[in-house]
Every structure is written in structure tokens, then in C-alpha cells.
Amino acid sequence: MTHGSEIGFVASALVLAAFGMKDMVNLRIVAICSNVAFIAYALVLNLPPVLMLHVILLPLNGWRLAQAFQERHRAHDLASAVGKL
């Protein structure tokens, strides 16, 4: 098995793991790791379509992760405010 294949299997396993996630923050973290692995895979094997896809998805997942953190923070603040009533 080549290094490219190994990277591809890791990237694929990360995608599979992301599909099983219930928590949005964890899902986005795993998806970002998958994007990085697929970018490495595409660079090693010279796969421009795979590279383009994951270069586009990486910042999108980062943006959605930031939104998920903000939503979690808002929910925590709301729960704290309700608890003080």
C-alpha cells in the first residue's frame, strides 16, 4: 500500500466518522480533519478535482464550526440566565 492510499483511507474513514456524529461541533472538527487529509491525498496523487473540492469545503467547514460554537455559547448563556430566575 502506498502512502497516497493510506492517506486516502484515513480521509475516507474520517468522512465515515463524520456521518455518524450527532454533535455539530464534533462533526465539523472531524470534517475539517477529513478536508486536510483529502487535500494531502489529492496533492500526493495529483487529483485536481478532489483538491478543489476540499480546498473549498475547508473554509466552509471552519465557518460552520464557528457558527456552531456561537450557537453553543448562546444556548449556554440562555440556560444560565434561566437558571438565575
N, C-alpha and C. Protein backbone atom coordinates (compact mmCIF):
# COMPACT_ATOMS: atom_id res chain seq x y z
N MET A 1 0.86 -1.19 0.00
CA MET A 1 0.00 0.00 0.00
C MET A 1 0.90 1.24 0.00
N THR A 2 0.57 2.19 -0.85
CA THR A 2 1.37 3.41 -0.95
C THR A 2 0.92 4.43 0.10
N HIS A 3 1.75 5.44 0.30
CA HIS A 3 1.39 6.50 1.24
C HIS A 3 0.12 7.21 0.80
N GLY A 4 -0.03 7.38 -0.51
CA GLY A 4 -1.24 8.02 -1.03
C GLY A 4 -2.49 7.23 -0.67
N SER A 5 -2.41 5.91 -0.82
CA SER A 5 -3.55 5.07 -0.47
C SER A 5 -3.85 5.14 1.02
N GLU A 6 -2.81 5.14 1.83
CA GLU A 6 -3.01 5.23 3.29
C GLU A 6 -3.70 6.53 3.67
N ILE A 7 -3.25 7.63 3.07
CA ILE A 7 -3.88 8.93 3.34
C ILE A 7 -5.34 8.90 2.89
N GLY A 8 -5.60 8.30 1.73
CA GLY A 8 -6.96 8.20 1.21
C GLY A 8 -7.87 7.40 2.13
N PHE A 9 -7.36 6.30 2.69
CA PHE A 9 -8.16 5.50 3.62
C PHE A 9 -8.45 6.26 4.91
N VAL A 10 -7.47 7.01 5.40
CA VAL A 10 -7.68 7.81 6.61
C VAL A 10 -8.73 8.88 6.33
N ALA A 11 -8.60 9.56 5.20
CA ALA A 11 -9.57 10.60 4.83
C ALA A 11 -10.97 10.02 4.70
N SER A 12 -11.07 8.87 4.08
CA SER A 12 -12.38 8.22 3.92
C SER A 12 -12.97 7.80 5.25
N ALA A 13 -12.13 7.29 6.14
CA ALA A 13 -12.60 6.90 7.48
C ALA A 13 -13.10 8.11 8.25
N LEU A 14 -12.45 9.25 8.07
CA LEU A 14 -12.90 10.47 8.73
C LEU A 14 -14.26 10.92 8.20
N VAL A 15 -14.49 10.78 6.90
CA VAL A 15 -15.81 11.11 6.34
C VAL A 15 -16.86 10.19 6.93
N LEU A 16 -16.56 8.91 6.99
CA LEU A 16 -17.50 7.95 7.57
C LEU A 16 -17.80 8.30 9.03
N ALA A 17 -16.77 8.65 9.78
CA ALA A 17 -16.97 9.05 11.18
C ALA A 17 -17.84 10.29 11.28
N ALA A 18 -17.63 11.25 10.39
CA ALA A 18 -18.43 12.48 10.41
C ALA A 18 -19.91 12.19 10.19
N PHE A 19 -20.21 11.24 9.32
CA PHE A 19 -21.61 10.89 9.07
C PHE A 19 -22.27 10.29 10.30
N GLY A 20 -21.49 9.73 11.21
CA GLY A 20 -22.05 9.14 12.42
C GLY A 20 -22.17 10.09 13.59
N MET A 21 -21.72 11.31 13.42
CA MET A 21 -21.71 12.28 14.51
C MET A 21 -23.10 12.88 14.74
N LYS A 22 -23.43 13.07 16.01
CA LYS A 22 -24.67 13.76 16.36
C LYS A 22 -24.39 15.20 16.74
N ASP A 23 -23.28 15.45 17.39
CA ASP A 23 -22.91 16.79 17.84
C ASP A 23 -22.29 17.57 16.69
N MET A 24 -22.84 18.74 16.40
CA MET A 24 -22.41 19.53 15.25
C MET A 24 -20.96 20.01 15.38
N VAL A 25 -20.53 20.36 16.57
CA VAL A 25 -19.15 20.81 16.76
C VAL A 25 -18.19 19.67 16.44
N ASN A 26 -18.45 18.49 16.99
CA ASN A 26 -17.58 17.35 16.71
C ASN A 26 -17.60 16.97 15.24
N LEU A 27 -18.78 17.04 14.63
CA LEU A 27 -18.90 16.73 13.20
C LEU A 27 -18.01 17.67 12.38
N ARG A 28 -18.08 18.95 12.67
CA ARG A 28 -17.28 19.92 11.89
C ARG A 28 -15.78 19.74 12.13
N ILE A 29 -15.39 19.40 13.34
CA ILE A 29 -13.97 19.17 13.61
C ILE A 29 -13.47 17.97 12.81
N VAL A 30 -14.24 16.90 12.81
CA VAL A 30 -13.86 15.71 12.04
C VAL A 30 -13.88 16.01 10.54
N ALA A 31 -14.86 16.79 10.09
CA ALA A 31 -14.93 17.15 8.68
C ALA A 31 -13.72 17.99 8.26
N ILE A 32 -13.27 18.88 9.12
CA ILE A 32 -12.08 19.68 8.83
C ILE A 32 -10.84 18.77 8.73
N CYS A 33 -10.73 17.82 9.63
CA CYS A 33 -9.62 16.85 9.58
C CYS A 33 -9.69 16.05 8.28
N SER A 34 -10.90 15.69 7.88
CA SER A 34 -11.09 14.97 6.62
C SER A 34 -10.68 15.84 5.43
N ASN A 35 -11.05 17.10 5.45
CA ASN A 35 -10.65 18.01 4.37
C ASN A 35 -9.14 18.10 4.24
N VAL A 36 -8.46 18.22 5.37
CA VAL A 36 -7.00 18.30 5.36
C VAL A 36 -6.41 17.01 4.81
N ALA A 37 -6.94 15.87 5.24
CA ALA A 37 -6.44 14.58 4.75
C ALA A 37 -6.69 14.44 3.24
N PHE A 38 -7.86 14.84 2.77
CA PHE A 38 -8.15 14.74 1.34
C PHE A 38 -7.30 15.71 0.53
N ILE A 39 -6.98 16.86 1.08
CA ILE A 39 -6.08 17.79 0.38
C ILE A 39 -4.69 17.15 0.23
N ALA A 40 -4.20 16.53 1.29
CA ALA A 40 -2.91 15.83 1.22
C ALA A 40 -2.98 14.71 0.19
N TYR A 41 -4.05 13.94 0.23
CA TYR A 41 -4.26 12.83 -0.71
C TYR A 41 -4.24 13.34 -2.15
N ALA A 42 -4.96 14.41 -2.40
CA ALA A 42 -5.03 14.97 -3.75
C ALA A 42 -3.68 15.51 -4.22
N LEU A 43 -2.93 16.09 -3.30
CA LEU A 43 -1.61 16.59 -3.67
C LEU A 43 -0.64 15.45 -3.98
N VAL A 44 -0.68 14.40 -3.17
CA VAL A 44 0.23 13.26 -3.38
C VAL A 44 -0.07 12.56 -4.70
N LEU A 45 -1.34 12.39 -5.03
CA LEU A 45 -1.72 11.64 -6.23
C LEU A 45 -2.10 12.52 -7.42
N ASN A 46 -1.92 13.83 -7.27
CA ASN A 46 -2.23 14.78 -8.34
C ASN A 46 -3.68 14.60 -8.84
N LEU A 47 -4.61 14.88 -7.95
CA LEU A 47 -6.04 14.76 -8.25
C LEU A 47 -6.71 16.13 -8.12
N PRO A 48 -6.62 16.96 -9.16
CA PRO A 48 -7.16 18.33 -9.07
C PRO A 48 -8.62 18.43 -8.65
N PRO A 49 -9.55 17.59 -9.14
CA PRO A 49 -10.95 17.75 -8.70
C PRO A 49 -11.13 17.52 -7.19
N VAL A 50 -10.43 16.53 -6.66
CA VAL A 50 -10.51 16.26 -5.21
C VAL A 50 -9.89 17.42 -4.45
N LEU A 51 -8.78 17.92 -4.94
CA LEU A 51 -8.11 19.06 -4.30
C LEU A 51 -9.03 20.28 -4.28
N MET A 52 -9.62 20.61 -5.41
CA MET A 52 -10.51 21.78 -5.48
C MET A 52 -11.69 21.66 -4.53
N LEU A 53 -12.31 20.49 -4.51
CA LEU A 53 -13.46 20.28 -3.64
C LEU A 53 -13.10 20.54 -2.18
N HIS A 54 -12.01 19.96 -1.72
CA HIS A 54 -11.69 20.05 -0.30
C HIS A 54 -11.05 21.39 0.08
N VAL A 55 -10.44 22.07 -0.88
CA VAL A 55 -9.96 23.43 -0.63
C VAL A 55 -11.16 24.36 -0.44
N ILE A 56 -12.24 24.10 -1.15
CA ILE A 56 -13.47 24.89 -0.99
C ILE A 56 -14.20 24.51 0.30
N LEU A 57 -14.27 23.21 0.60
CA LEU A 57 -15.00 22.75 1.79
C LEU A 57 -14.31 23.11 3.10
N LEU A 58 -12.99 23.22 3.09
CA LEU A 58 -12.26 23.50 4.33
C LEU A 58 -12.69 24.82 4.98
N PRO A 59 -12.67 25.95 4.29
CA PRO A 59 -13.14 27.18 4.95
C PRO A 59 -14.65 27.15 5.26
N LEU A 60 -15.42 26.47 4.43
CA LEU A 60 -16.85 26.35 4.71
C LEU A 60 -17.07 25.61 6.03
N ASN A 61 -16.36 24.51 6.23
CA ASN A 61 -16.47 23.79 7.49
C ASN A 61 -15.95 24.62 8.67
N GLY A 62 -14.91 25.40 8.44
CA GLY A 62 -14.41 26.28 9.50
C GLY A 62 -15.43 27.33 9.88
N TRP A 63 -16.10 27.89 8.89
CA TRP A 63 -17.14 28.90 9.13
C TRP A 63 -18.31 28.27 9.89
N ARG A 64 -18.74 27.09 9.46
CA ARG A 64 -19.85 26.42 10.14
C ARG A 64 -19.46 25.99 11.56
N LEU A 65 -18.19 25.64 11.77
CA LEU A 65 -17.72 25.31 13.12
C LEU A 65 -17.82 26.54 14.02
N ALA A 66 -17.41 27.69 13.51
CA ALA A 66 -17.51 28.93 14.29
C ALA A 66 -18.96 29.22 14.64
N GLN A 67 -19.87 29.01 13.69
CA GLN A 67 -21.29 29.22 13.95
C GLN A 67 -21.79 28.25 15.02
N ALA A 68 -21.36 27.01 14.96
CA ALA A 68 -21.79 26.01 15.95
C ALA A 68 -21.29 26.38 17.34
N PHE A 69 -20.05 26.89 17.42
CA PHE A 69 -19.52 27.34 18.72
C PHE A 69 -20.35 28.52 19.25
N GLN A 70 -20.70 29.47 18.37
CA GLN A 70 -21.51 30.61 18.79
C GLN A 70 -22.88 30.16 19.28
N GLU A 71 -23.48 29.23 18.56
CA GLU A 71 -24.80 28.72 18.96
C GLU A 71 -24.72 28.01 20.30
N ARG A 72 -23.67 27.22 20.50
CA ARG A 72 -23.49 26.51 21.77
C ARG A 72 -23.31 27.53 22.90
N HIS A 73 -22.55 28.60 22.62
CA HIS A 73 -22.30 29.63 23.64
C HIS A 73 -23.61 30.35 23.98
N ARG A 74 -24.41 30.67 22.96
CA ARG A 74 -25.70 31.32 23.20
C ARG A 74 -26.63 30.43 24.02
N ALA A 75 -26.65 29.15 23.72
CA ALA A 75 -27.50 28.21 24.46
C ALA A 75 -27.04 28.11 25.91
N HIS A 76 -25.74 28.13 26.14
CA HIS A 76 -25.20 28.08 27.50
C HIS A 76 -25.58 29.34 28.25
N ASP A 77 -25.45 30.50 27.61
CA ASP A 77 -25.81 31.77 28.24
C ASP A 77 -27.31 31.80 28.59
N LEU A 78 -28.13 31.32 27.67
CA LEU A 78 -29.57 31.28 27.91
C LEU A 78 -29.90 30.36 29.09
N ALA A 79 -29.27 29.20 29.13
CA ALA A 79 -29.51 28.27 30.23
C ALA A 79 -29.06 28.87 31.55
N SER A 80 -27.97 29.60 31.54
CA SER A 80 -27.51 30.26 32.77
C SER A 80 -28.49 31.33 33.22
N ALA A 81 -29.01 32.10 32.26
CA ALA A 81 -29.96 33.16 32.58
C ALA A 81 -31.25 32.57 33.13
N VAL A 82 -31.73 31.49 32.57
CA VAL A 82 -32.95 30.84 33.04
C VAL A 82 -32.73 30.26 34.43
N GLY A 83 -31.55 29.73 34.67
CA GLY A 83 -31.23 29.16 35.98
C GLY A 83 -31.18 30.20 37.09
N LYS A 84 -30.93 31.46 36.74
CA LYS A 84 -30.85 32.53 37.73
C LYS A 84 -32.22 33.08 38.10
N LEU A 85 -33.25 32.70 37.36
CA LEU A 85 -34.61 33.22 37.63
C LEU A 85 -35.17 32.68 38.90
